[in-house]
Amino acid sequence: MSAPALTPNAAATAPVLQLRGVRKRFGGIVALAGVDFSLQPGEIHALCGENGAGKSTLIKILGGVHPTGSFDGEYLAFGQPARLQSVRDATQLGIAVIYQELVLCEGLTVAQNLFLGREPTHGPLGLFVDHARMRSEARELLGRFGLQNELDIDQPISTLGVGQKQLVEIVRALHQQSRVLILDEPTAALSTREITTLLALLRGLQARGVALVYISHKLDEVFALADRITVLRDGRSVMSAPAHETDAASVIRHMVGRTLTELYPARPLTQASTETPLLQVQSLSLAADKKSPLRLRDISFQLHAGEVLGIFGLMGAGRSELLLHLLGAWGERRQGQVLLGAQPLPWPLTPQEAIRRGLVLVSEERRRYGLLMDSSVGENLSLSSLSSLTRPWLPLLNEELEQARNTAISHKLRIKASGLQQPVRGLSGGNQQKVVLGKALLCQPQVVLLDEPTRGVDVGAKREIYEHISQLSAAGLGVILVSSELPELLGLSDRVLVLGGGQARGLFTREQAQPEVLLAAALSQKPAAAGAPTVTQEVR
């Protein structure tokens, strides 16, 4: 199947993709209830909506995951009725989709993933993969998109961070010479610099006539990039307008059906306490393993009860590695110690022991580290605190206590599910994240580590998660928040620690933590000066 040729007049006026009155059901659940959508040649069309609004279903129809005949309504591709039975059919038409959940072969290198299924060959009948040519073309491909310094073609995918994996996915799709590119939250895990690179790349594709569907919860990106914006709510298209004719407030109002005047809940400024900190990190230097060079060097900070400590840094700064190490899940400690309360945490440390002592982590990769996708909401909620559900004299679960406790946390976090028995795979991204948070809170922690807690979460669910973070600090817990979104850090944190190149670049109070100050610190190539600010010192 190949894309039909367009006459010059048709190409100038006819949409390249168009949906008319599309309805899609999954059993008794209505995913799309009459959606109209069109994409013009060379247009960047943003698709916005809360999790569960129908965006994922819509792009799976466009990308051939849901075949023609499995939904009602019309689907036109390049001016003709689309007859897609598979993703391969969509690819042959020139339609490529980059999904939020990455699809890469972890055991293969960057180059092997870029050419997976399209490997250059040599020898009799082309039976052998030409590895030298593949590496050369992979290097050229990365250079074409300005990513030769971001990715090593010989590096295994399993060793890359989330942002780097996202870049590999994007480059692989662009290499297919697609006429339509659909991107689902492509910048959710990217640093500010990587986002700038990607947006410039997408504008370059648009200039060459590629049409793009861009799904994002980051409205500043949407308005910086998109020509047109369509909003879905409850499976319906409720607004579609040129970007210059609307604004963020209007988009949010259409997304959630109400006005969000204050995204971040008001919190009193937490004063530095003279009491023993909940958590103390002292001169911590870490490597990935015994044979690796230092990844983090001489990191020190304190966390007090009721405080939200933000950690900011560009991709590769070591933020996630630091949190994983505090939980006992990553790294080789070369020097330093960690105290929980006044007691040193033992090293080596296991996650089970860290949780038992009152320290929990909500990972940025909820599907990989936070959830059992085929298990129920209730099973996931109980997973990390099973020991508290057994009687001392009988090693069996107290199912009544489990039901009562899971029901209570589900109501508290406002998890939208058909019940505790619903498989967590069927929940929206925001509600999956609430399950991960609920699982952590049921461990009754003293310190909560949050790594990109709103990654891939819509604006309405973000507001709810922000409220829960505020409630945690109000209850006297200590919270460490890693986020790539500066507005999120500035709206929630009492202080912000900046990491750069594996070192602390500065510690800033809420008043001092201005965007330009944090970015300047993160981009600084100078190591932290001797006598770097402590908890009670100010950065001048």
Protein backbone atom coordinates (compact mmCIF):
# COMPACT_ATOMS: atom_id res chain seq x y z
CA MET A 1 0.00 0.00 0.00
CA SER A 2 1.41 3.42 -0.90
CA ALA A 3 0.24 6.97 -0.46
CA PRO A 4 -1.91 8.20 -3.36
CA ALA A 5 -0.46 10.95 -5.50
CA LEU A 6 -2.03 14.36 -4.92
CA THR A 7 -2.65 16.94 -7.59
CA PRO A 8 -1.21 20.41 -6.79
CA ASN A 9 -4.68 21.83 -6.10
CA ALA A 10 -5.70 18.90 -3.94
CA ALA A 11 -2.47 19.04 -1.99
CA ALA A 12 -3.07 22.70 -1.23
CA THR A 13 -6.61 22.25 0.06
CA ALA A 14 -7.40 18.66 1.05
CA PRO A 15 -6.52 17.42 4.53
CA VAL A 16 -3.88 14.69 4.59
CA LEU A 17 -5.82 12.98 7.41
CA GLN A 18 -9.45 13.47 8.37
CA LEU A 19 -11.86 11.87 10.86
CA ARG A 20 -15.62 12.49 10.64
CA GLY A 21 -17.95 11.50 13.46
CA VAL A 22 -15.66 8.71 14.67
CA ARG A 23 -17.03 6.55 17.50
CA LYS A 24 -15.11 3.78 19.24
CA ARG A 25 -16.21 1.49 22.07
CA PHE A 26 -14.36 -1.06 24.18
CA GLY A 27 -17.13 -3.29 25.49
CA GLY A 28 -19.37 -1.02 27.52
CA ILE A 29 -16.83 1.82 27.63
CA VAL A 30 -17.19 4.64 25.10
CA ALA A 31 -13.70 5.89 24.21
CA LEU A 32 -14.69 8.20 21.34
CA ALA A 33 -18.21 9.58 21.07
CA GLY A 34 -18.20 11.44 17.76
CA VAL A 35 -14.81 13.01 17.02
CA ASP A 36 -14.07 15.30 14.09
CA PHE A 37 -10.41 15.94 13.33
CA SER A 38 -8.39 17.04 10.31
CA LEU A 39 -4.72 17.58 9.54
CA GLN A 40 -3.62 19.87 6.71
CA PRO A 41 -0.43 19.43 4.65
CA GLY A 42 2.57 20.96 6.41
CA GLU A 43 0.51 21.75 9.51
CA ILE A 44 1.47 21.23 13.14
CA HIS A 45 -1.81 20.36 14.82
CA ALA A 46 -1.77 20.06 18.63
CA LEU A 47 -4.16 17.61 20.29
CA CYS A 48 -4.94 18.42 23.92
CA GLY A 49 -7.10 16.84 26.58
CA GLU A 50 -7.02 15.28 30.01
CA ASN A 51 -5.92 11.67 30.40
CA GLY A 52 -8.90 9.54 29.45
CA ALA A 53 -10.25 12.14 27.00
CA GLY A 54 -9.68 9.83 24.02
CA LYS A 55 -6.37 11.08 22.60
CA SER A 56 -4.65 7.69 22.71
CA THR A 57 -7.58 5.96 21.03
CA LEU A 58 -7.66 8.61 18.30
CA ILE A 59 -3.98 8.28 17.42
CA LYS A 60 -4.22 4.48 17.47
CA ILE A 61 -6.95 4.79 14.84
CA LEU A 62 -4.79 7.15 12.79
CA GLY A 63 -1.80 4.80 13.16
CA GLY A 64 -3.60 1.56 12.26
CA VAL A 65 -3.56 -0.05 15.70
CA HIS A 66 -7.37 -0.09 15.66
CA PRO A 67 -8.16 -1.37 12.14
CA THR A 68 -10.78 0.03 9.81
CA GLY A 69 -14.10 -1.61 10.69
CA SER A 70 -13.47 -1.63 14.44
CA PHE A 71 -14.95 1.87 14.78
CA ASP A 72 -17.84 3.87 13.34
CA GLY A 73 -17.43 7.00 11.24
CA GLU A 74 -15.15 8.00 8.38
CA TYR A 75 -11.37 8.00 8.19
CA LEU A 76 -9.82 9.63 5.11
CA ALA A 77 -6.09 9.47 4.42
CA PHE A 78 -4.71 11.68 1.67
CA GLY A 79 -8.22 12.33 0.38
CA GLN A 80 -9.28 8.69 0.11
CA PRO A 81 -11.06 6.30 2.51
CA ALA A 82 -8.41 4.66 4.69
CA ARG A 83 -8.38 0.89 4.79
CA LEU A 84 -5.84 0.11 7.48
CA GLN A 85 -5.64 -3.36 8.97
CA SER A 86 -2.32 -2.93 10.76
CA VAL A 87 0.43 -0.52 11.74
CA ARG A 88 2.34 -1.71 8.68
CA ASP A 89 -0.44 -0.36 6.43
CA ALA A 90 -0.17 3.05 8.09
CA THR A 91 3.61 3.01 7.79
CA GLN A 92 3.38 2.23 4.08
CA LEU A 93 1.05 5.20 3.69
CA GLY A 94 3.70 7.40 5.32
CA ILE A 95 2.05 7.70 8.76
CA ALA A 96 4.40 7.21 11.74
CA VAL A 97 3.42 7.34 15.42
CA ILE A 98 5.82 7.92 18.35
CA TYR A 99 4.01 6.66 21.42
CA GLN A 100 4.64 7.89 24.95
CA GLU A 101 5.59 4.40 26.13
CA LEU A 102 8.80 3.66 24.29
CA VAL A 103 9.19 0.63 22.02
CA LEU A 104 12.89 -0.18 21.86
CA CYS A 105 15.02 -3.33 22.11
CA GLU A 106 16.90 -2.80 25.36
CA GLY A 107 19.67 -5.28 24.56
CA LEU A 108 20.58 -3.72 21.20
CA THR A 109 22.69 -0.64 20.54
CA VAL A 110 21.49 2.77 19.40
CA ALA A 111 22.54 2.02 15.81
CA GLN A 112 20.82 -1.38 15.80
CA ASN A 113 17.59 0.16 17.07
CA LEU A 114 17.68 2.95 14.49
CA PHE A 115 17.86 0.42 11.65
CA LEU A 116 15.81 -2.38 13.23
CA GLY A 117 13.98 -4.19 10.42
CA ARG A 118 15.78 -2.12 7.77
CA GLU A 119 19.37 -3.23 8.35
CA PRO A 120 21.80 -2.70 5.44
CA THR A 121 23.07 -6.03 4.15
CA HIS A 122 25.89 -7.45 2.05
CA GLY A 123 27.18 -10.77 0.81
CA PRO A 124 25.44 -13.41 -1.28
CA LEU A 125 21.73 -12.64 -1.56
CA GLY A 126 22.15 -9.98 1.13
CA LEU A 127 22.15 -12.56 3.89
CA PHE A 128 24.53 -10.72 6.21
CA VAL A 129 24.04 -7.47 8.11
CA ASP A 130 26.58 -4.85 7.06
CA HIS A 131 27.46 -3.60 10.54
CA ALA A 132 30.13 -1.16 9.37
CA ARG A 133 27.72 0.52 6.97
CA MET A 134 24.95 0.54 9.58
CA ARG A 135 27.22 2.27 12.09
CA SER A 136 28.36 4.79 9.48
CA GLU A 137 24.80 5.59 8.40
CA ALA A 138 23.64 5.78 12.03
CA ARG A 139 26.37 8.31 12.77
CA GLU A 140 25.35 10.32 9.71
CA LEU A 141 21.67 10.13 10.70
CA LEU A 142 22.32 11.47 14.19
CA GLY A 143 24.45 14.24 12.73
CA ARG A 144 21.64 15.21 10.36
CA PHE A 145 19.42 15.91 13.36
CA GLY A 146 22.17 17.49 15.48
CA LEU A 147 22.26 14.63 17.98
CA GLN A 148 25.75 13.26 17.37
CA ASN A 149 26.86 14.57 20.76
CA GLU A 150 23.74 13.35 22.55
CA LEU A 151 23.86 9.67 21.60
CA ASP A 152 26.63 7.09 21.19
CA ILE A 153 25.72 4.76 18.32
CA ASP A 154 27.41 1.80 20.08
CA GLN A 155 25.77 2.32 23.47
CA PRO A 156 23.18 -0.30 24.53
CA ILE A 157 19.69 1.13 24.84
CA SER A 158 19.41 -0.35 28.36
CA THR A 159 22.07 2.10 29.59
CA LEU A 160 20.33 5.23 28.29
CA GLY A 161 18.12 7.57 30.28
CA VAL A 162 14.47 8.06 29.42
CA GLY A 163 15.14 11.26 27.50
CA GLN A 164 17.85 9.68 25.38
CA LYS A 165 15.60 6.71 24.59
CA GLN A 166 12.90 9.14 23.47
CA LEU A 167 15.36 10.75 21.06
CA VAL A 168 16.22 7.36 19.56
CA GLU A 169 12.51 6.66 18.99
CA ILE A 170 12.01 10.00 17.28
CA VAL A 171 15.05 9.69 15.00
CA ARG A 172 14.04 6.14 14.04
CA ALA A 173 10.60 7.37 12.94
CA LEU A 174 12.03 10.34 11.06
CA HIS A 175 14.39 8.01 9.21
CA GLN A 176 11.34 6.35 7.61
CA GLN A 177 10.69 9.52 5.53
CA SER A 178 7.17 9.78 6.94
CA ARG A 179 4.71 12.26 5.42
CA VAL A 180 2.72 12.40 8.67
CA LEU A 181 4.38 12.23 12.09
CA ILE A 182 2.26 11.79 15.23
CA LEU A 183 4.05 12.45 18.52
CA ASP A 184 2.53 11.51 21.88
CA GLU A 185 4.12 13.56 24.69
CA PRO A 186 7.54 13.59 22.98
CA THR A 187 9.16 15.99 25.46
CA ALA A 188 7.80 14.52 28.69
CA ALA A 189 11.23 13.22 29.73
CA LEU A 190 13.50 15.66 27.89
CA SER A 191 15.67 18.39 29.34
CA THR A 192 15.19 22.04 28.40
CA ARG A 193 18.07 21.87 25.91
CA GLU A 194 16.74 18.66 24.33
CA ILE A 195 13.27 20.18 24.04
CA THR A 196 14.71 23.19 22.22
CA THR A 197 16.55 20.84 19.84
CA LEU A 198 13.43 18.78 19.20
CA LEU A 199 11.14 21.74 18.57
CA ALA A 200 13.62 23.19 16.08
CA LEU A 201 13.76 19.80 14.39
CA LEU A 202 9.96 19.63 14.11
CA ARG A 203 9.79 23.11 12.60
CA GLY A 204 12.36 22.02 10.04
CA LEU A 205 10.21 19.01 9.14
CA GLN A 206 7.19 21.27 8.78
CA ALA A 207 9.14 23.50 6.40
CA ARG A 208 9.76 20.42 4.23
CA GLY A 209 6.02 19.69 4.07
CA VAL A 210 5.68 17.03 6.79
CA ALA A 211 2.37 17.28 8.67
CA LEU A 212 2.54 16.71 12.42
CA VAL A 213 0.06 15.82 15.14
CA TYR A 214 1.55 16.96 18.45
CA ILE A 215 0.11 15.71 21.74
CA SER A 216 1.34 17.47 24.85
CA HIS A 217 0.18 18.59 28.27
CA LYS A 218 2.77 21.39 28.19
CA LEU A 219 0.75 24.30 26.89
CA ASP A 220 3.74 26.61 26.55
CA GLU A 221 5.16 24.15 24.01
CA VAL A 222 1.81 23.82 22.28
CA PHE A 223 1.47 27.56 21.72
CA ALA A 224 5.13 27.91 20.72
CA LEU A 225 4.81 25.22 18.06
CA ALA A 226 1.26 24.57 16.88
CA ASP A 227 -0.66 26.15 14.02
CA ARG A 228 -3.96 24.72 15.25
CA ILE A 229 -5.24 23.22 18.51
CA THR A 230 -8.00 20.67 18.99
CA VAL A 231 -9.26 19.76 22.47
CA LEU A 232 -10.89 16.44 23.35
CA ARG A 233 -13.03 15.93 26.44
CA ASP A 234 -14.95 12.78 27.34
CA GLY A 235 -14.36 11.32 23.90
CA ARG A 236 -15.63 14.35 22.00
CA SER A 237 -13.91 17.15 20.12
CA VAL A 238 -15.04 20.22 22.04
CA MET A 239 -12.82 22.89 20.48
CA SER A 240 -10.68 23.36 17.38
CA ALA A 241 -9.14 26.73 16.53
CA PRO A 242 -6.01 28.35 15.12
CA ALA A 243 -3.48 28.72 17.93
CA HIS A 244 -3.28 32.51 17.50
CA GLU A 245 -7.04 32.82 18.07
CA THR A 246 -7.09 31.19 21.51
CA ASP A 247 -5.03 31.12 24.71
CA ALA A 248 -3.95 28.73 27.48
CA ALA A 249 -6.84 29.66 29.79
CA SER A 250 -9.38 28.82 27.10
CA VAL A 251 -7.70 25.50 26.29
CA ILE A 252 -7.63 24.49 29.96
CA ARG A 253 -11.27 25.49 30.38
CA HIS A 254 -12.27 23.28 27.46
CA MET A 255 -10.06 20.41 28.68
CA VAL A 256 -11.41 20.21 32.23
CA GLY A 257 -14.77 21.92 31.87
CA ARG A 258 -13.83 24.49 34.48
CA THR A 259 -11.35 27.30 35.12
CA LEU A 260 -8.12 26.50 36.97
CA THR A 261 -7.18 29.88 38.40
CA GLU A 262 -4.32 28.58 40.54
CA LEU A 263 -2.47 25.49 39.37
CA TYR A 264 -0.22 25.28 42.43
CA PRO A 265 -1.86 25.13 45.88
CA ALA A 266 -0.91 27.90 48.27
CA ARG A 267 1.64 26.76 50.84
CA PRO A 268 3.23 28.68 53.69
CA LEU A 269 6.98 29.10 53.40
CA THR A 270 8.69 26.42 55.48
CA GLN A 271 11.32 27.91 57.73
CA ALA A 272 14.62 26.12 58.33
CA SER A 273 14.17 24.03 61.45
CA THR A 274 16.63 23.67 64.32
CA GLU A 275 15.37 20.15 64.95
CA THR A 276 17.16 17.08 63.65
CA PRO A 277 16.53 16.82 59.90
CA LEU A 278 14.46 13.93 58.62
CA LEU A 279 17.16 13.16 56.06
CA GLN A 280 20.83 14.12 55.89
CA VAL A 281 23.07 13.39 52.91
CA GLN A 282 26.72 13.96 53.76
CA SER A 283 29.53 14.15 51.18
CA LEU A 284 28.02 11.44 49.00
CA SER A 285 30.14 10.25 46.05
CA LEU A 286 28.69 7.52 43.84
CA ALA A 287 29.55 5.41 40.82
CA ALA A 288 27.43 2.99 38.82
CA ASP A 289 29.58 0.06 39.94
CA LYS A 290 33.04 -0.77 41.26
CA LYS A 291 34.68 -0.36 37.85
CA SER A 292 32.96 2.88 36.79
CA PRO A 293 34.07 6.50 37.33
CA LEU A 294 32.20 8.71 39.77
CA ARG A 295 28.69 9.66 38.64
CA LEU A 296 27.91 11.96 41.58
CA ARG A 297 30.56 13.73 43.62
CA ASP A 298 30.47 15.18 47.14
CA ILE A 299 26.70 15.75 47.37
CA SER A 300 25.42 17.15 50.68
CA PHE A 301 22.00 18.44 51.72
CA GLN A 302 19.38 18.19 54.47
CA LEU A 303 15.63 17.68 54.38
CA HIS A 304 13.40 18.82 57.24
CA ALA A 305 9.93 17.75 58.33
CA GLY A 306 7.23 19.51 56.32
CA GLU A 307 9.65 20.62 53.62
CA VAL A 308 9.59 20.11 49.85
CA LEU A 309 13.14 20.10 48.51
CA GLY A 310 13.28 20.44 44.74
CA ILE A 311 16.17 19.03 42.71
CA PHE A 312 16.82 20.59 39.32
CA GLY A 313 19.34 19.74 36.63
CA LEU A 314 19.64 19.06 32.93
CA MET A 315 19.45 15.57 31.46
CA GLY A 316 22.41 13.55 32.72
CA ALA A 317 22.92 15.62 35.87
CA GLY A 318 22.42 12.54 38.07
CA ARG A 319 19.06 13.41 39.65
CA SER A 320 17.38 10.02 39.16
CA GLU A 321 20.55 8.16 40.13
CA LEU A 322 20.67 10.08 43.42
CA LEU A 323 17.09 9.16 44.32
CA LEU A 324 17.56 5.52 43.31
CA HIS A 325 20.68 5.35 45.47
CA LEU A 326 18.88 6.76 48.49
CA LEU A 327 16.41 3.90 48.11
CA GLY A 328 19.24 1.36 47.80
CA ALA A 329 18.42 0.55 44.17
CA TRP A 330 21.44 1.98 42.32
CA GLY A 331 25.13 2.62 42.52
CA GLU A 332 28.33 1.95 44.36
CA ARG A 333 29.03 4.32 47.27
CA ARG A 334 32.62 5.54 47.32
CA GLN A 335 32.27 7.93 50.24
CA GLY A 336 29.74 9.69 52.45
CA GLN A 337 26.72 8.60 54.43
CA VAL A 338 22.97 9.06 54.65
CA LEU A 339 21.12 9.59 57.91
CA LEU A 340 17.39 9.05 58.36
CA GLY A 341 16.55 11.02 61.46
CA ALA A 342 19.61 10.74 63.67
CA GLN A 343 20.40 7.17 62.57
CA PRO A 344 22.73 6.30 59.67
CA LEU A 345 21.11 4.23 56.96
CA PRO A 346 23.15 1.04 56.52
CA TRP A 347 25.14 0.48 53.35
CA PRO A 348 24.73 -1.67 51.35
CA LEU A 349 21.02 -0.94 51.56
CA THR A 350 18.12 -2.80 49.97
CA PRO A 351 14.89 -1.11 48.86
CA GLN A 352 12.99 -3.35 51.28
CA GLU A 353 15.07 -2.05 54.20
CA ALA A 354 14.74 1.56 53.03
CA ILE A 355 10.95 1.21 52.84
CA ARG A 356 10.85 -0.45 56.26
CA ARG A 357 12.76 2.48 57.74
CA GLY A 358 10.37 5.02 56.20
CA LEU A 359 11.80 6.07 52.83
CA VAL A 360 9.85 5.48 49.58
CA LEU A 361 10.33 6.37 45.90
CA VAL A 362 7.83 7.20 43.15
CA SER A 363 9.88 6.52 40.00
CA GLU A 364 9.66 8.48 36.74
CA GLU A 365 9.16 5.18 34.86
CA ARG A 366 5.93 4.01 36.44
CA ARG A 367 5.37 1.16 33.99
CA ARG A 368 8.86 -0.20 34.48
CA TYR A 369 9.45 0.33 38.19
CA GLY A 370 6.13 1.32 39.74
CA LEU A 371 3.35 -0.95 38.47
CA LEU A 372 2.42 -4.50 37.55
CA MET A 373 0.40 -3.55 34.50
CA ASP A 374 -1.69 -6.72 34.29
CA SER A 375 -2.52 -6.74 38.01
CA SER A 376 -5.45 -4.94 39.58
CA VAL A 377 -5.53 -1.53 41.22
CA GLY A 378 -5.88 -3.18 44.63
CA GLU A 379 -2.99 -5.61 44.10
CA ASN A 380 -0.71 -2.76 43.03
CA LEU A 381 -1.70 -0.61 46.00
CA SER A 382 -0.86 -3.41 48.45
CA LEU A 383 2.35 -4.53 46.80
CA SER A 384 4.92 -2.61 48.87
CA SER A 385 3.23 -2.98 52.25
CA LEU A 386 2.11 -6.61 52.36
CA SER A 387 3.85 -7.18 55.69
CA SER A 388 1.46 -4.75 57.38
CA LEU A 389 -1.50 -6.79 56.14
CA THR A 390 -0.55 -10.04 57.86
CA ARG A 391 -1.25 -11.12 61.41
CA PRO A 392 1.87 -11.88 63.48
CA TRP A 393 0.61 -15.35 64.34
CA LEU A 394 -0.69 -16.24 60.87
CA PRO A 395 1.20 -15.53 57.61
CA LEU A 396 -1.94 -14.86 55.59
CA LEU A 397 -3.26 -11.59 54.23
CA ASN A 398 -5.97 -9.86 56.24
CA GLU A 399 -8.23 -9.30 53.26
CA GLU A 400 -10.75 -7.17 55.16
CA LEU A 401 -8.01 -4.79 56.28
CA GLU A 402 -6.55 -4.74 52.76
CA GLN A 403 -9.93 -3.88 51.22
CA ALA A 404 -10.66 -1.14 53.75
CA ARG A 405 -7.20 0.39 53.47
CA ASN A 406 -7.09 0.32 49.66
CA THR A 407 -10.59 1.76 49.42
CA ALA A 408 -9.63 4.62 51.72
CA ILE A 409 -6.46 5.57 49.82
CA SER A 410 -8.29 5.23 46.50
CA HIS A 411 -10.92 7.70 47.67
CA LYS A 412 -8.32 10.03 49.17
CA LEU A 413 -6.33 10.21 45.95
CA ARG A 414 -9.49 10.27 43.80
CA ILE A 415 -8.36 7.34 41.64
CA LYS A 416 -10.84 7.01 38.79
CA ALA A 417 -11.39 3.30 38.22
CA SER A 418 -14.34 0.95 37.95
CA GLY A 419 -13.17 -0.64 41.20
CA LEU A 420 -10.16 -2.06 42.98
CA GLN A 421 -10.34 -5.13 40.73
CA GLN A 422 -9.82 -3.17 37.50
CA PRO A 423 -6.47 -3.95 35.83
CA VAL A 424 -4.21 -0.94 36.21
CA ARG A 425 -3.38 -1.14 32.48
CA GLY A 426 -6.85 0.19 31.72
CA LEU A 427 -6.39 3.41 33.72
CA SER A 428 -5.35 6.76 32.30
CA GLY A 429 -1.77 7.90 32.89
CA GLY A 430 -2.81 10.28 35.66
CA ASN A 431 -4.69 7.58 37.53
CA GLN A 432 -1.84 5.10 37.11
CA GLN A 433 0.43 7.67 38.71
CA LYS A 434 -2.01 8.06 41.60
CA VAL A 435 -1.86 4.29 42.15
CA VAL A 436 1.96 4.48 42.35
CA LEU A 437 1.69 7.34 44.84
CA GLY A 438 -0.95 5.47 46.86
CA LYS A 439 1.24 2.37 47.00
CA ALA A 440 4.07 4.50 48.40
CA LEU A 441 1.89 6.25 50.98
CA LEU A 442 0.52 2.95 52.31
CA CYS A 443 4.07 2.20 53.48
CA GLN A 444 3.60 5.06 56.01
CA PRO A 445 6.85 6.83 55.05
CA GLN A 446 8.70 9.68 56.67
CA VAL A 447 10.43 10.74 53.45
CA VAL A 448 8.87 10.58 49.97
CA LEU A 449 11.12 10.74 46.90
CA LEU A 450 9.25 11.91 43.78
CA ASP A 451 11.01 11.55 40.42
CA GLU A 452 9.10 13.42 37.68
CA PRO A 453 5.74 12.68 39.39
CA THR A 454 3.64 14.41 36.71
CA ARG A 455 5.42 13.08 33.62
CA GLY A 456 2.77 12.42 30.95
CA VAL A 457 -0.06 13.62 33.20
CA ASP A 458 -2.73 16.08 32.11
CA VAL A 459 -3.26 19.47 33.68
CA GLY A 460 -6.25 18.42 35.78
CA ALA A 461 -4.47 15.40 37.25
CA LYS A 462 -1.36 17.53 37.80
CA ARG A 463 -3.35 19.88 40.00
CA GLU A 464 -4.55 16.93 42.10
CA ILE A 465 -1.02 15.54 42.45
CA TYR A 466 0.22 18.99 43.48
CA GLU A 467 -2.46 19.09 46.16
CA HIS A 468 -1.34 15.71 47.49
CA ILE A 469 2.29 16.86 47.63
CA SER A 470 1.19 19.91 49.61
CA GLN A 471 -0.80 17.68 51.96
CA LEU A 472 2.23 15.45 52.54
CA SER A 473 4.37 18.39 53.63
CA ALA A 474 1.53 19.77 55.77
CA ALA A 475 1.39 16.39 57.54
CA GLY A 476 5.06 16.70 58.48
CA LEU A 477 6.58 14.40 55.88
CA GLY A 478 9.70 15.35 53.99
CA VAL A 479 9.43 15.43 50.19
CA ILE A 480 12.23 15.46 47.62
CA LEU A 481 10.91 16.47 44.20
CA VAL A 482 12.86 15.93 40.98
CA SER A 483 11.30 17.69 38.01
CA SER A 484 12.43 18.90 34.60
CA GLU A 485 9.63 21.49 34.60
CA LEU A 486 10.83 24.71 36.21
CA PRO A 487 7.33 26.08 36.89
CA GLU A 488 6.54 22.88 38.78
CA LEU A 489 9.68 23.11 40.92
CA LEU A 490 9.17 26.80 41.61
CA GLY A 491 5.49 26.33 42.44
CA LEU A 492 6.02 23.52 44.94
CA SER A 493 9.49 23.72 46.48
CA ASP A 494 10.68 25.46 49.62
CA ARG A 495 14.28 25.18 48.43
CA VAL A 496 15.91 23.96 45.21
CA LEU A 497 19.17 22.05 44.92
CA VAL A 498 20.76 22.33 41.46
CA LEU A 499 22.89 19.49 40.10
CA GLY A 500 25.21 19.77 37.14
CA GLY A 501 27.85 17.37 35.89
CA GLY A 502 27.26 15.14 38.90
CA GLN A 503 27.96 17.93 41.39
CA ALA A 504 25.93 20.36 43.48
CA ARG A 505 25.90 23.74 41.73
CA GLY A 506 23.93 25.62 44.35
CA LEU A 507 21.15 25.52 46.93
CA PHE A 508 18.49 28.22 46.59
CA THR A 509 15.63 29.40 48.78
CA ARG A 510 12.17 29.89 47.29
CA GLU A 511 12.75 33.63 46.90
CA GLN A 512 16.13 33.12 45.20
CA ALA A 513 15.02 30.31 42.88
CA GLN A 514 14.25 32.28 39.73
CA PRO A 515 14.26 30.41 36.39
CA GLU A 516 17.28 32.22 35.01
CA VAL A 517 19.21 31.63 38.25
CA LEU A 518 18.54 27.88 38.26
CA LEU A 519 19.33 27.48 34.56
CA ALA A 520 22.56 29.44 34.93
CA ALA A 521 23.60 27.21 37.82
CA ALA A 522 22.68 24.02 35.94
CA LEU A 523 24.65 25.11 32.87
CA SER A 524 27.71 26.20 34.85
CA GLN A 525 30.82 24.15 34.11
CA LYS A 526 32.53 25.19 37.33
CA PRO A 527 32.49 22.74 40.25
CA ALA A 528 30.67 23.82 43.37
CA ALA A 529 32.85 26.20 45.31
CA ALA A 530 34.23 25.25 48.68
CA GLY A 531 31.80 26.22 51.38
CA ALA A 532 28.79 25.83 49.08
CA PRO A 533 25.52 26.98 50.68
CA THR A 534 24.13 24.75 53.39
CA VAL A 535 20.56 24.51 54.60
CA THR A 536 20.76 27.71 56.59
CA GLN A 537 23.00 29.75 54.30
CA GLU A 538 21.71 31.97 51.55
CA VAL A 539 22.95 32.05 47.98
CA ARG A 540 23.97 35.60 47.12
